[in-house]
Protein backbone atom coordinates (compact mmCIF):
# COMPACT_ATOMS: atom_id res chain seq x y z
CA MET A 1 -7.75 -22.21 73.13
CA ARG A 2 -6.79 -22.44 69.48
CA ARG A 3 -3.08 -22.36 70.24
CA PRO A 4 -2.89 -25.85 71.87
CA ILE A 5 -4.81 -27.32 68.94
CA ARG A 6 -2.41 -25.73 66.44
CA LEU A 7 0.60 -26.93 68.42
CA ALA A 8 -0.80 -30.45 68.65
CA ALA A 9 -1.63 -30.48 64.94
CA GLY A 10 1.84 -29.20 64.08
CA PHE A 11 3.49 -31.79 66.30
CA ALA A 12 1.38 -34.58 64.80
CA LEU A 13 2.30 -33.45 61.30
CA ALA A 14 6.00 -33.33 62.19
CA LEU A 15 5.83 -36.85 63.60
CA THR A 16 4.03 -38.13 60.54
CA MET A 17 6.51 -36.52 58.16
CA GLY A 18 9.49 -37.79 60.16
CA ALA A 19 8.13 -41.30 60.40
CA ALA A 20 7.60 -41.50 56.66
CA GLY A 21 11.17 -40.42 55.96
CA LEU A 22 10.09 -37.27 54.18
CA ALA A 23 11.70 -33.87 54.19
CA THR A 24 10.72 -30.37 53.27
CA ALA A 25 12.93 -27.92 51.42
CA SER A 26 16.53 -28.62 52.26
CA ALA A 27 19.92 -28.05 50.70
CA GLU A 28 20.80 -31.61 51.70
CA PRO A 29 19.92 -34.59 49.54
CA VAL A 30 16.82 -36.47 50.69
CA ARG A 31 16.88 -40.26 50.75
CA TYR A 32 13.56 -42.07 50.43
CA THR A 33 13.13 -45.81 50.87
CA ASN A 34 9.75 -47.37 50.27
CA PRO A 35 8.98 -49.66 53.23
CA ARG A 36 6.80 -52.01 51.15
CA PHE A 37 9.13 -52.75 48.22
CA GLY A 38 12.51 -51.38 49.36
CA THR A 39 12.73 -49.03 46.37
CA THR A 40 15.25 -46.28 47.17
CA VAL A 41 16.14 -42.92 45.64
CA VAL A 42 18.17 -39.86 46.65
CA MET A 43 16.88 -36.51 45.40
CA PRO A 44 17.53 -32.80 45.96
CA GLY A 45 15.12 -31.78 48.71
CA GLU A 46 15.35 -28.12 47.77
CA VAL A 47 13.86 -28.93 44.35
CA PHE A 48 11.32 -31.65 45.15
CA SER A 49 10.12 -29.91 48.28
CA GLN A 50 6.40 -30.67 48.23
CA PRO A 51 5.63 -34.26 49.29
CA GLN A 52 2.28 -35.48 48.01
CA PRO A 53 -0.11 -37.62 50.06
CA PRO A 54 1.04 -41.24 49.93
CA PRO A 55 -1.22 -43.85 48.32
CA GLU A 56 -3.17 -46.06 50.69
CA ASN A 57 -1.49 -49.24 49.45
CA GLY A 58 1.99 -47.95 50.36
CA ASP A 59 3.50 -48.67 46.96
CA GLY A 60 5.51 -45.43 46.76
CA MET A 61 5.69 -41.69 47.17
CA SER A 62 5.74 -38.58 44.99
CA TRP A 63 6.92 -34.99 45.29
CA ARG A 64 6.24 -31.78 43.39
CA ALA A 65 8.60 -28.91 42.71
CA ALA A 66 7.56 -25.27 42.83
CA ASP A 67 8.34 -24.85 39.12
CA GLY A 68 6.16 -27.73 37.92
CA GLY A 69 8.62 -30.60 38.25
CA PHE A 70 7.40 -33.94 39.59
CA LEU A 71 9.15 -37.03 40.92
CA ALA A 72 7.54 -40.36 41.80
CA VAL A 73 9.20 -43.51 43.07
CA TYR A 74 7.25 -46.71 43.60
CA GLY A 75 7.21 -50.45 43.30
CA MET A 76 4.73 -52.77 41.65
CA TYR A 77 4.39 -56.46 41.04
CA ASN A 78 5.12 -57.75 37.56
CA ALA A 79 1.68 -59.36 37.46
CA LEU A 80 1.83 -60.02 33.71
CA GLY A 81 5.29 -61.59 33.92
CA GLN A 82 6.63 -59.22 31.26
CA THR A 83 10.26 -59.12 30.24
CA PRO A 84 11.92 -55.69 30.31
CA GLU A 85 11.51 -55.48 26.51
CA GLU A 86 7.79 -56.35 26.69
CA PHE A 87 7.28 -53.88 29.52
CA ALA A 88 8.99 -51.08 27.55
CA ASP A 89 6.74 -51.82 24.56
CA TRP A 90 3.63 -51.88 26.76
CA ASP A 91 4.50 -48.62 28.51
CA SER A 92 5.27 -46.84 25.23
CA ASP A 93 2.11 -48.10 23.52
CA ASN A 94 -0.30 -47.19 26.34
CA GLN A 95 0.07 -43.42 26.35
CA GLY A 96 -2.03 -40.59 25.00
CA PRO A 97 -1.59 -38.15 22.11
CA GLY A 98 1.50 -35.97 22.30
CA TYR A 99 3.57 -38.75 23.93
CA GLU A 100 6.87 -39.30 22.13
CA VAL A 101 9.71 -41.55 23.27
CA THR A 102 12.99 -40.02 22.07
CA TYR A 103 15.31 -42.33 24.03
CA ARG A 104 14.77 -45.99 24.82
CA ARG A 105 17.25 -48.39 26.38
CA VAL A 106 16.55 -51.92 27.54
CA ALA A 107 19.45 -53.80 29.10
CA GLY A 108 19.37 -56.89 31.27
CA ASP A 109 16.95 -56.14 34.08
CA TRP A 110 16.18 -52.46 33.48
CA VAL A 111 14.43 -50.08 31.11
CA VAL A 112 14.86 -46.34 30.50
CA LEU A 113 12.35 -44.34 28.48
CA SER A 114 12.50 -40.59 28.02
CA GLY A 115 10.94 -38.06 25.75
CA TYR A 116 8.07 -35.62 25.61
CA ASP A 117 4.47 -35.72 26.73
CA GLY A 118 2.80 -32.55 25.52
CA GLY A 119 4.61 -29.63 27.13
CA GLU A 120 6.61 -31.80 29.51
CA VAL A 121 9.79 -33.82 29.42
CA PHE A 122 9.63 -37.26 31.05
CA TYR A 123 12.24 -39.70 32.29
CA LYS A 124 11.22 -43.20 33.37
CA ARG A 125 13.43 -45.91 34.77
CA PHE A 126 12.19 -49.39 35.65
CA GLU A 127 14.35 -51.97 37.41
CA PHE A 128 13.22 -55.58 37.57
CA GLY A 129 14.05 -56.81 41.06
CA ALA A 130 13.58 -59.78 43.34
CA ASP A 131 10.20 -61.40 43.96
CA ASP A 132 8.75 -60.18 40.63
CA VAL A 133 8.85 -56.54 41.73
CA ILE A 134 9.38 -53.73 39.26
CA HIS A 135 10.93 -50.64 40.88
CA ALA A 136 9.88 -47.45 39.10
CA LEU A 137 11.19 -43.88 38.93
CA LEU A 138 9.31 -41.16 37.08
CA ILE A 139 10.52 -37.59 36.68
CA THR A 140 8.60 -34.99 34.67
CA TYR A 141 9.25 -31.29 34.19
CA PRO A 142 8.28 -28.42 31.90
CA LYS A 143 10.20 -28.22 28.60
CA ALA A 144 11.18 -24.66 29.54
CA ARG A 145 13.13 -26.07 32.54
CA LYS A 146 14.92 -28.81 30.56
CA GLY A 147 18.40 -27.33 31.03
CA PHE A 148 17.96 -27.22 34.80
CA TYR A 149 16.43 -30.68 35.26
CA ASP A 150 18.65 -32.52 32.77
CA LYS A 151 21.53 -31.85 35.18
CA LEU A 152 19.61 -33.50 38.04
CA VAL A 153 18.12 -36.54 36.32
CA GLY A 154 21.41 -38.44 35.95
CA LYS A 155 22.33 -38.14 39.63
CA ILE A 156 18.84 -39.08 40.76
CA ALA A 157 18.77 -42.08 38.39
CA GLU A 158 22.18 -43.27 39.62
CA SER A 159 20.86 -43.36 43.19
CA PHE A 160 17.72 -45.29 42.24
CA ASP A 161 17.76 -48.90 43.45
CA GLY A 162 15.69 -51.76 44.74
CA PRO A 163 16.23 -55.29 45.99
């Protein structure tokens, strides 16, 4: 009798994954759009192949890569009414030891911060959108994989958008 339970569980999981717009390992790009904030990104599904459980508030989604990479895309309200410059300062100042911003760009309605956090490289992009929403993209990966991921970050960042 275990077989019907496994089939039902597998079917339920497939429905859940499909409904959320998620994909497992795939050579095709994966497009994710957050239903709450409209934040959108296109990523390589063969790299970010391990979707993580979504947060209860529906503000975004994250994926892990087999080699330690991580990608998160989410939206949040600009509750403090910060300008992009103020937000960049706040984000940079509120990190732990070993956090070093090596690239910072603030232009119009967006912010890019990248650098190192301990043994990892990080890339953050924030776009200030409609209705006081900040759309956020975070990519982290091991320093040892920098050459591989640096080639992906630009394409992923170009696809990142929100209303």
